[in-house]
Amino acid sequence: MIKIVNEESKTFSSKIKEEIIKCSGENIQCMYAELLGFILSYGESCLNTNTDIIKLDIENDELAKKYFTFLRKTFNINVELMSGNIVNRKKLIHTIILKEASNILAILSSNNLGDICCKRAYLRGAFLGGGSVSDPEKGYHLEFVSSNSEYAHNIQTVMAEINLEAKVVMRKNNYVVYLKDGSQIVDLLNIIGAHIALMDFENIRIVKEVRNNINRLVNCEIANLSKTVSAAVKQIEDIMYIQDTKGWSIRCGCLHPEGCF
């Protein structure tokens, strides 16, 4: 489910989603791929097999309008769009109701994601449905969450085809497909069309790397200085020991125990 938050409290993920909602597929097959990635992110919970109806609850106005318009024009079917508040919550929810769901899914699934543009669109839809990125100031973590194992591993496969090494783990009752490498997260943001978010992520990453490099250099200097001081203290202790035990004689213009011979 896509969420809307106030400007001052927007998460990094919500900024990404607001940006990529504006992206449109290069062709009809790309839109099929994006919509498929989005619908499948809901898992089996959105499909009523008895009535052959799909219900998609969406909080983002623009996303609801985008997919509602696309479905109605492309499939020439009666698509319903309902809006209302969830019980005990103030947020407005838009519900897209699709009849003849099995036929629609069959058409969407006919795209084998062979083209790179379709892979991009599929991952974009998947991210809009169940993706998130942690605040890069705190750490690097991007994930897709789904209750469906086949869908989660399919995302992993599509990512592998574009050289992204994602892993899949179980978290409670959900499957999580995730990336933790900063450079791979940047690549994924570029792939789904989040170019502004990509630049923000990179700027933060560069500042953190510079800060870490400076800290490492300072720590090295402190360590080297400590070694130098320790060596100097040891030399002074040795000199004091010699002076106390044997004394110094000054001959030939130099200092030497017992004098120079």
Protein backbone atom coordinates (compact mmCIF):
# COMPACT_ATOMS: atom_id res chain seq x y z
CA MET A 1 0.00 0.00 0.00
CA ILE A 2 1.34 3.43 -0.97
CA LYS A 3 1.30 6.02 1.79
CA ILE A 4 1.21 9.82 1.77
CA VAL A 5 2.95 11.81 4.48
CA ASN A 6 3.38 15.48 5.21
CA GLU A 7 6.26 17.29 3.49
CA GLU A 8 8.18 17.82 6.71
CA SER A 9 7.88 14.17 7.73
CA LYS A 10 8.49 12.47 4.38
CA THR A 11 10.72 9.45 4.47
CA PHE A 12 13.35 8.79 1.84
CA SER A 13 11.15 5.99 0.48
CA SER A 14 8.10 8.21 0.10
CA LYS A 15 10.17 10.76 -1.84
CA ILE A 16 11.32 8.03 -4.20
CA LYS A 17 7.77 6.83 -4.76
CA GLU A 18 6.45 10.30 -5.42
CA GLU A 19 9.15 10.72 -8.05
CA ILE A 20 8.70 7.42 -9.88
CA ILE A 21 4.89 7.66 -9.95
CA LYS A 22 5.42 10.28 -12.67
CA CYS A 23 7.40 7.80 -14.80
CA SER A 24 5.56 6.26 -17.71
CA GLY A 25 6.50 3.16 -19.65
CA GLU A 26 8.13 3.42 -23.04
CA ASN A 27 5.30 1.37 -24.58
CA ILE A 28 2.20 -0.61 -23.69
CA GLN A 29 4.26 -3.68 -22.74
CA CYS A 30 6.20 -1.62 -20.22
CA MET A 31 2.96 -0.46 -18.63
CA TYR A 32 1.82 -4.10 -18.47
CA ALA A 33 5.08 -4.96 -16.70
CA GLU A 34 4.78 -2.09 -14.21
CA LEU A 35 1.18 -2.90 -13.39
CA LEU A 36 2.01 -6.60 -13.00
CA GLY A 37 4.85 -5.82 -10.60
CA PHE A 38 2.52 -3.59 -8.59
CA ILE A 39 -0.43 -5.99 -8.41
CA LEU A 40 1.69 -9.02 -7.52
CA SER A 41 3.28 -7.09 -4.63
CA TYR A 42 -0.07 -7.35 -2.82
CA GLY A 43 0.11 -11.12 -2.82
CA GLU A 44 -2.96 -13.33 -2.68
CA SER A 45 -4.75 -10.95 -0.30
CA CYS A 46 -5.98 -8.70 -3.12
CA LEU A 47 -7.54 -11.51 -5.21
CA ASN A 48 -10.91 -13.04 -4.49
CA THR A 49 -10.90 -16.28 -6.45
CA ASN A 50 -14.63 -16.88 -5.86
CA THR A 51 -15.73 -13.62 -7.50
CA ASP A 52 -12.66 -13.24 -9.77
CA ILE A 53 -12.14 -9.70 -8.45
CA ILE A 54 -8.95 -7.85 -7.51
CA LYS A 55 -9.08 -5.03 -4.96
CA LEU A 56 -6.10 -2.67 -4.69
CA ASP A 57 -6.04 -0.27 -1.74
CA ILE A 58 -3.90 2.79 -2.55
CA GLU A 59 -3.34 5.88 -0.40
CA ASN A 60 -1.58 7.94 -3.05
CA ASP A 61 -4.01 9.97 -5.18
CA GLU A 62 -1.73 10.21 -8.23
CA LEU A 63 -0.94 6.52 -8.29
CA ALA A 64 -4.60 5.54 -7.97
CA LYS A 65 -5.53 7.86 -10.86
CA LYS A 66 -2.62 6.61 -12.99
CA TYR A 67 -3.49 2.92 -12.75
CA PHE A 68 -7.26 3.48 -12.84
CA THR A 69 -6.99 5.46 -16.08
CA PHE A 70 -4.58 2.98 -17.64
CA LEU A 71 -6.74 -0.05 -16.82
CA ARG A 72 -9.93 1.54 -18.05
CA LYS A 73 -8.47 2.73 -21.36
CA THR A 74 -6.27 -0.26 -22.11
CA PHE A 75 -8.57 -3.15 -21.27
CA ASN A 76 -11.84 -1.40 -22.09
CA ILE A 77 -13.43 -2.85 -18.97
CA ASN A 78 -15.53 -1.48 -16.16
CA VAL A 79 -12.99 -0.49 -13.50
CA GLU A 80 -14.35 0.91 -10.26
CA LEU A 81 -12.58 3.48 -8.13
CA MET A 82 -13.90 3.94 -4.61
CA SER A 83 -12.60 6.27 -1.90
CA GLY A 84 -13.15 6.22 1.83
CA ASN A 85 -11.50 6.36 5.24
CA ILE A 86 -10.22 3.24 6.98
CA VAL A 87 -11.83 2.56 10.35
CA ASN A 88 -9.88 4.24 13.19
CA ARG A 89 -7.66 6.04 10.66
CA LYS A 90 -7.95 9.50 9.17
CA LYS A 91 -6.24 8.72 5.87
CA LEU A 92 -8.28 8.49 2.69
CA ILE A 93 -7.97 5.21 0.82
CA HIS A 94 -8.64 4.72 -2.87
CA THR A 95 -9.73 1.21 -3.87
CA ILE A 96 -9.43 0.04 -7.47
CA ILE A 97 -11.79 -2.86 -8.14
CA LEU A 98 -11.00 -5.06 -11.15
CA LYS A 99 -13.48 -7.61 -12.42
CA GLU A 100 -12.42 -10.49 -14.64
CA ALA A 101 -9.16 -10.50 -12.68
CA SER A 102 -7.88 -13.80 -14.05
CA ASN A 103 -8.09 -12.54 -17.64
CA ILE A 104 -6.31 -9.29 -16.76
CA LEU A 105 -3.53 -11.12 -14.92
CA ALA A 106 -3.13 -13.49 -17.86
CA ILE A 107 -2.68 -10.56 -20.25
CA LEU A 108 -0.25 -8.77 -17.94
CA SER A 109 1.72 -11.97 -17.36
CA SER A 110 2.12 -12.52 -21.09
CA ASN A 111 5.02 -10.06 -20.96
CA ASN A 112 8.10 -12.23 -20.33
CA LEU A 113 10.17 -9.16 -19.34
CA GLY A 114 12.64 -9.86 -22.12
CA ASP A 115 13.43 -6.20 -22.81
CA ILE A 116 15.40 -4.05 -20.37
CA CYS A 117 12.68 -1.38 -20.45
CA CYS A 118 10.13 -3.95 -19.22
CA LYS A 119 12.48 -5.09 -16.45
CA ARG A 120 12.79 -1.46 -15.34
CA ALA A 121 9.03 -1.02 -15.36
CA TYR A 122 8.40 -4.28 -13.49
CA LEU A 123 10.80 -3.30 -10.69
CA ARG A 124 9.30 0.18 -10.57
CA GLY A 125 5.82 -1.28 -10.04
CA ALA A 126 7.17 -3.71 -7.45
CA PHE A 127 8.83 -0.86 -5.56
CA LEU A 128 5.65 1.23 -5.63
CA GLY A 129 3.76 -1.72 -4.20
CA GLY A 130 6.13 -3.07 -1.56
CA GLY A 131 9.52 -1.39 -1.73
CA SER A 132 11.40 0.84 0.68
CA VAL A 133 14.84 2.38 1.23
CA SER A 134 16.25 3.25 4.63
CA ASP A 135 17.50 6.75 5.38
CA PRO A 136 20.99 6.77 3.81
CA GLU A 137 22.24 8.92 6.69
CA LYS A 138 21.71 5.91 8.94
CA GLY A 139 22.62 3.04 6.63
CA TYR A 140 22.24 1.48 3.20
CA HIS A 141 19.30 -0.89 2.83
CA LEU A 142 16.75 -1.33 0.03
CA GLU A 143 14.07 -3.99 0.14
CA PHE A 144 10.94 -5.41 -1.49
CA VAL A 145 8.48 -7.15 0.81
CA SER A 146 5.90 -9.72 -0.28
CA SER A 147 3.95 -12.58 1.23
CA ASN A 148 4.46 -14.61 -1.97
CA SER A 149 7.63 -16.67 -2.30
CA GLU A 150 7.43 -17.08 -6.08
CA TYR A 151 7.02 -13.34 -6.59
CA ALA A 152 9.92 -12.52 -4.25
CA HIS A 153 12.27 -14.89 -6.04
CA ASN A 154 11.08 -13.58 -9.40
CA ILE A 155 12.12 -10.08 -8.33
CA GLN A 156 15.50 -11.50 -7.32
CA THR A 157 15.83 -13.15 -10.75
CA VAL A 158 14.94 -9.97 -12.64
CA MET A 159 17.45 -8.02 -10.55
CA ALA A 160 20.14 -10.63 -11.25
CA GLU A 161 19.52 -10.19 -15.00
CA ILE A 162 20.56 -6.55 -14.66
CA ASN A 163 23.58 -7.36 -12.47
CA LEU A 164 22.06 -6.61 -9.07
CA GLU A 165 22.94 -9.22 -6.45
CA ALA A 166 19.86 -9.28 -4.23
CA LYS A 167 19.25 -11.75 -1.42
CA VAL A 168 15.98 -13.19 -0.10
CA VAL A 169 15.20 -13.81 3.57
CA MET A 170 12.11 -14.56 5.62
CA ARG A 171 10.87 -11.91 8.04
CA LYS A 172 7.93 -13.12 10.07
CA ASN A 173 5.46 -14.28 7.40
CA ASN A 174 6.91 -12.26 4.54
CA TYR A 175 9.70 -12.71 2.02
CA VAL A 176 12.17 -9.83 1.83
CA VAL A 177 14.32 -9.19 -1.24
CA TYR A 178 17.08 -6.79 -0.27
CA LEU A 179 20.25 -4.93 -1.26
CA LYS A 180 22.74 -3.51 1.23
CA ASP A 181 25.53 -2.35 -1.06
CA GLY A 182 25.38 1.41 -1.60
CA SER A 183 26.51 1.31 -5.24
CA GLN A 184 23.92 -1.36 -6.11
CA ILE A 185 21.16 0.65 -4.45
CA VAL A 186 22.21 3.61 -6.61
CA ASP A 187 21.97 1.38 -9.70
CA LEU A 188 18.49 0.23 -8.71
CA LEU A 189 17.30 3.81 -8.16
CA ASN A 190 18.58 4.68 -11.62
CA ILE A 191 16.84 1.66 -13.14
CA ILE A 192 13.41 2.52 -11.72
CA GLY A 193 13.73 6.20 -12.70
CA ALA A 194 14.36 7.80 -9.29
CA HIS A 195 17.09 10.13 -10.55
CA ILE A 196 16.56 12.97 -8.06
CA ALA A 197 16.57 10.53 -5.15
CA LEU A 198 19.67 8.94 -6.66
CA MET A 199 21.53 12.26 -6.53
CA ASP A 200 20.43 12.85 -2.94
CA PHE A 201 21.59 9.34 -2.02
CA GLU A 202 24.94 9.83 -3.76
CA ASN A 203 25.54 13.20 -2.08
CA ILE A 204 24.95 11.67 1.33
CA ARG A 205 27.13 8.68 0.45
CA ILE A 206 30.01 10.90 -0.71
CA VAL A 207 29.87 13.02 2.45
CA LYS A 208 29.85 9.88 4.61
CA GLU A 209 32.79 8.37 2.72
CA VAL A 210 34.81 11.60 3.00
CA ARG A 211 34.00 11.80 6.70
CA ASN A 212 35.01 8.17 7.21
CA ASN A 213 38.25 8.68 5.26
CA ILE A 214 39.10 11.72 7.36
CA ASN A 215 38.38 9.77 10.55
CA ARG A 216 40.62 6.93 9.37
CA LEU A 217 43.45 9.36 8.55
CA VAL A 218 43.10 11.10 11.91
CA ASN A 219 43.09 7.75 13.70
CA CYS A 220 46.23 6.69 11.79
CA GLU A 221 47.98 9.95 12.68
CA ILE A 222 47.01 9.57 16.32
CA ALA A 223 48.28 5.98 16.31
CA ASN A 224 51.59 7.01 14.68
CA LEU A 225 51.98 9.91 17.09
CA SER A 226 51.33 7.61 20.03
CA LYS A 227 54.02 5.23 18.76
CA THR A 228 56.47 8.13 18.35
CA VAL A 229 55.76 9.45 21.83
CA SER A 230 56.09 5.96 23.32
CA ALA A 231 59.45 5.48 21.58
CA ALA A 232 60.66 8.90 22.75
CA VAL A 233 59.62 8.17 26.33
CA LYS A 234 61.46 4.85 26.19
CA GLN A 235 64.61 6.58 24.90
CA ILE A 236 64.44 9.16 27.66
CA GLU A 237 64.03 6.40 30.24
CA ASP A 238 67.10 4.59 28.79
CA ILE A 239 69.15 7.80 28.87
CA MET A 240 68.13 8.50 32.46
CA TYR A 241 69.01 4.93 33.42
CA ILE A 242 72.49 5.23 31.88
CA GLN A 243 73.03 8.59 33.50
CA ASP A 244 71.98 7.28 36.90
CA THR A 245 74.08 4.11 36.70
CA LYS A 246 77.23 5.08 34.79
CA GLY A 247 77.10 8.81 34.41
CA TRP A 248 78.31 10.87 31.42
CA SER A 249 81.80 12.02 30.40
CA ILE A 250 82.28 14.87 27.93
CA ARG A 251 85.29 14.21 25.66
CA CYS A 252 85.98 15.02 22.05
CA GLY A 253 82.90 17.24 21.97
CA CYS A 254 80.42 14.38 22.49
CA LEU A 255 78.54 12.67 25.24
CA HIS A 256 79.43 9.08 25.92
CA PRO A 257 79.41 6.85 28.98
CA GLU A 258 82.95 6.52 30.31
CA GLY A 259 84.13 9.07 27.69
CA CYS A 260 85.41 8.53 24.14
CA PHE A 261 88.53 6.46 23.50
